[in-house]
Protein backbone atom coordinates (compact mmCIF):
# COMPACT_ATOMS: atom_id res chain seq x y z
CA MET A 1 74.49 259.92 10.93
CA ALA A 2 77.90 258.67 11.96
CA THR A 3 80.48 258.34 9.18
CA SER A 4 82.35 254.77 8.88
CA ASP A 5 85.40 256.20 10.89
CA GLU A 6 82.93 258.03 13.58
CA LYS A 7 81.83 254.72 14.24
CA GLN A 8 85.09 252.60 14.00
CA ILE A 9 86.26 255.28 16.86
CA GLU A 10 83.14 254.95 19.10
CA ASP A 11 83.69 251.20 18.91
CA LEU A 12 87.40 251.52 19.85
CA ILE A 13 86.58 253.95 23.04
CA ARG A 14 83.72 251.70 24.10
CA SER A 15 85.92 248.44 23.98
CA TRP A 16 88.61 250.73 25.96
CA VAL A 17 85.82 251.42 28.41
CA ALA A 18 85.06 247.97 28.71
CA ALA A 19 89.10 246.83 29.34
CA VAL A 20 89.18 249.50 31.97
CA HIS A 21 86.18 248.19 33.85
CA ALA A 22 87.46 244.74 33.63
CA GLY A 23 91.15 245.57 34.54
CA ASP A 24 92.26 243.99 31.43
CA LEU A 25 95.20 245.82 30.78
CA ASP A 26 96.23 244.48 27.03
CA GLY A 27 92.51 245.64 26.18
CA VAL A 28 93.31 249.11 27.61
CA VAL A 29 96.77 249.29 25.67
CA ALA A 30 95.36 248.00 22.41
CA ASP A 31 94.89 250.84 19.98
CA HIS A 32 97.32 253.12 21.30
CA SER A 33 100.10 254.49 19.39
CA SER A 34 103.92 253.59 20.65
CA ASP A 35 104.20 257.47 21.17
CA ILE A 36 101.01 257.72 23.41
CA VAL A 37 100.66 260.99 25.48
CA MET A 38 98.24 260.73 28.52
CA PHE A 39 97.71 263.49 30.98
CA ASP A 40 96.00 262.04 33.91
CA VAL A 41 94.18 262.87 37.14
CA PRO A 42 97.29 261.61 39.43
CA PRO A 43 100.29 262.72 38.65
CA PRO A 44 103.11 262.76 36.76
CA TYR A 45 101.78 266.52 35.96
CA GLU A 46 104.25 266.42 32.91
CA GLY A 47 102.28 263.30 31.60
CA VAL A 48 102.85 259.57 30.60
CA LEU A 49 104.88 259.23 27.68
CA GLY A 50 105.13 256.42 25.42
CA ILE A 51 103.26 253.03 25.51
CA ASP A 52 105.27 251.24 28.15
CA ALA A 53 104.85 254.23 30.79
CA TYR A 54 101.20 254.07 29.69
CA ARG A 55 100.75 250.44 30.48
CA ALA A 56 102.83 250.97 33.66
CA ALA A 57 99.94 253.82 34.96
CA TRP A 58 97.14 251.12 34.85
CA PRO A 59 97.71 248.78 37.74
CA PRO A 60 97.21 251.25 40.78
CA PHE A 61 93.78 252.30 38.98
CA PHE A 62 92.88 248.80 38.52
CA GLU A 63 93.78 248.08 42.31
CA TRP A 64 91.54 250.87 43.36
CA GLN A 65 88.71 250.07 41.03
CA ALA A 66 88.44 246.46 42.45
CA GLN A 67 87.70 248.09 45.68
CA GLY A 68 84.35 248.71 44.25
CA ALA A 69 84.82 252.06 42.25
CA VAL A 70 82.77 252.26 38.93
CA PHE A 71 84.17 253.25 35.42
CA GLU A 72 81.03 253.58 33.13
CA LEU A 73 80.63 255.74 29.99
CA GLU A 74 77.82 258.46 29.92
CA SER A 75 78.12 259.98 26.90
CA LEU A 76 80.55 260.15 23.66
CA ARG A 77 81.12 262.39 20.49
CA VAL A 78 83.39 261.75 17.90
CA THR A 79 84.61 263.92 15.10
CA ALA A 80 86.59 262.27 12.46
CA GLY A 81 88.54 263.60 9.39
CA PRO A 82 90.49 261.28 6.86
CA ASP A 83 93.42 260.75 8.94
CA VAL A 84 93.02 262.73 12.45
CA ALA A 85 90.09 262.56 15.14
CA PHE A 86 89.03 263.39 18.28
CA ALA A 87 86.77 262.42 20.87
CA HIS A 88 85.16 263.67 23.90
CA ALA A 89 83.27 261.81 26.73
CA LEU A 90 81.79 261.95 30.39
CA LEU A 91 82.28 259.02 32.65
CA ARG A 92 80.74 258.13 35.91
CA CYS A 93 84.07 257.06 37.90
CA GLY A 94 84.49 256.76 41.75
CA THR A 95 83.78 254.85 44.71
CA ARG A 96 79.94 254.40 45.65
CA GLN A 97 80.84 257.03 48.28
CA ASP A 98 82.23 259.36 46.02
CA LEU A 99 79.42 259.24 43.51
CA ASP A 100 76.94 259.62 46.52
CA GLU A 101 78.71 263.10 47.78
CA ARG A 102 79.11 264.30 44.45
CA PRO A 103 76.35 262.64 42.12
CA ALA A 104 76.79 265.00 39.21
CA GLN A 105 80.67 264.82 39.11
CA ARG A 106 81.96 262.97 35.80
CA LEU A 107 85.58 262.16 34.67
CA ARG A 108 85.75 264.09 31.55
CA LEU A 109 88.11 262.19 28.71
CA THR A 110 89.36 263.72 25.72
CA VAL A 111 91.08 261.54 23.21
CA GLY A 112 92.93 262.62 19.98
CA LEU A 113 93.77 259.85 17.36
CA ARG A 114 95.26 259.44 14.27
CA LYS A 115 94.95 256.79 11.32
CA GLU A 116 98.13 254.61 10.39
CA GLY A 117 97.81 251.95 7.70
CA GLY A 118 94.30 252.11 8.07
CA ARG A 119 93.91 251.45 11.50
CA TRP A 120 92.68 254.19 14.38
CA LEU A 121 95.29 254.70 16.84
CA VAL A 122 95.02 256.96 20.26
CA ALA A 123 97.54 259.46 20.11
CA HIS A 124 96.56 261.75 23.12
CA GLU A 125 94.46 260.93 26.15
CA HIS A 126 93.24 263.31 28.73
CA HIS A 127 91.17 262.72 31.83
CA SER A 128 90.20 265.05 34.41
CA PHE A 129 87.71 266.11 36.78
CA PRO A 130 86.09 269.44 37.52
CA LEU A 131 87.56 271.36 40.56
CA PRO A 132 85.39 270.05 43.93
CA GLY A 133 82.17 271.93 44.64
CA THR A 134 81.97 273.10 41.09
CA ALA A 135 79.94 270.20 39.33
CA ARG A 136 76.38 270.96 38.36
């Protein structure tokens, strides 16, 4: 049975996925710390640092997604302590052609959170795909 904190984090991540899917930038950045660090699939390889850079990273993804790409949560697991937590998830993310060519490929998501003032905030976000040809 999930704890109250784990349920809150699960809801937070599901809301984030829905915001990404909808292209809702304000919804995407909600519940992220001002000092967010994101390691994403596209560059910069040193990561996206801070909420302003995080916000600026999303419009190109939304443009790509508007061309028919899918962004769907497939699985999610959350572990929460009193003031830090992490979650990992698998998502279907790609164009219909991408998913037809590599039906087993999933975007991997890892999220690190901390509780500030009784509220969970995403402090670290990491997205990755397995190397092509290695998904099973």
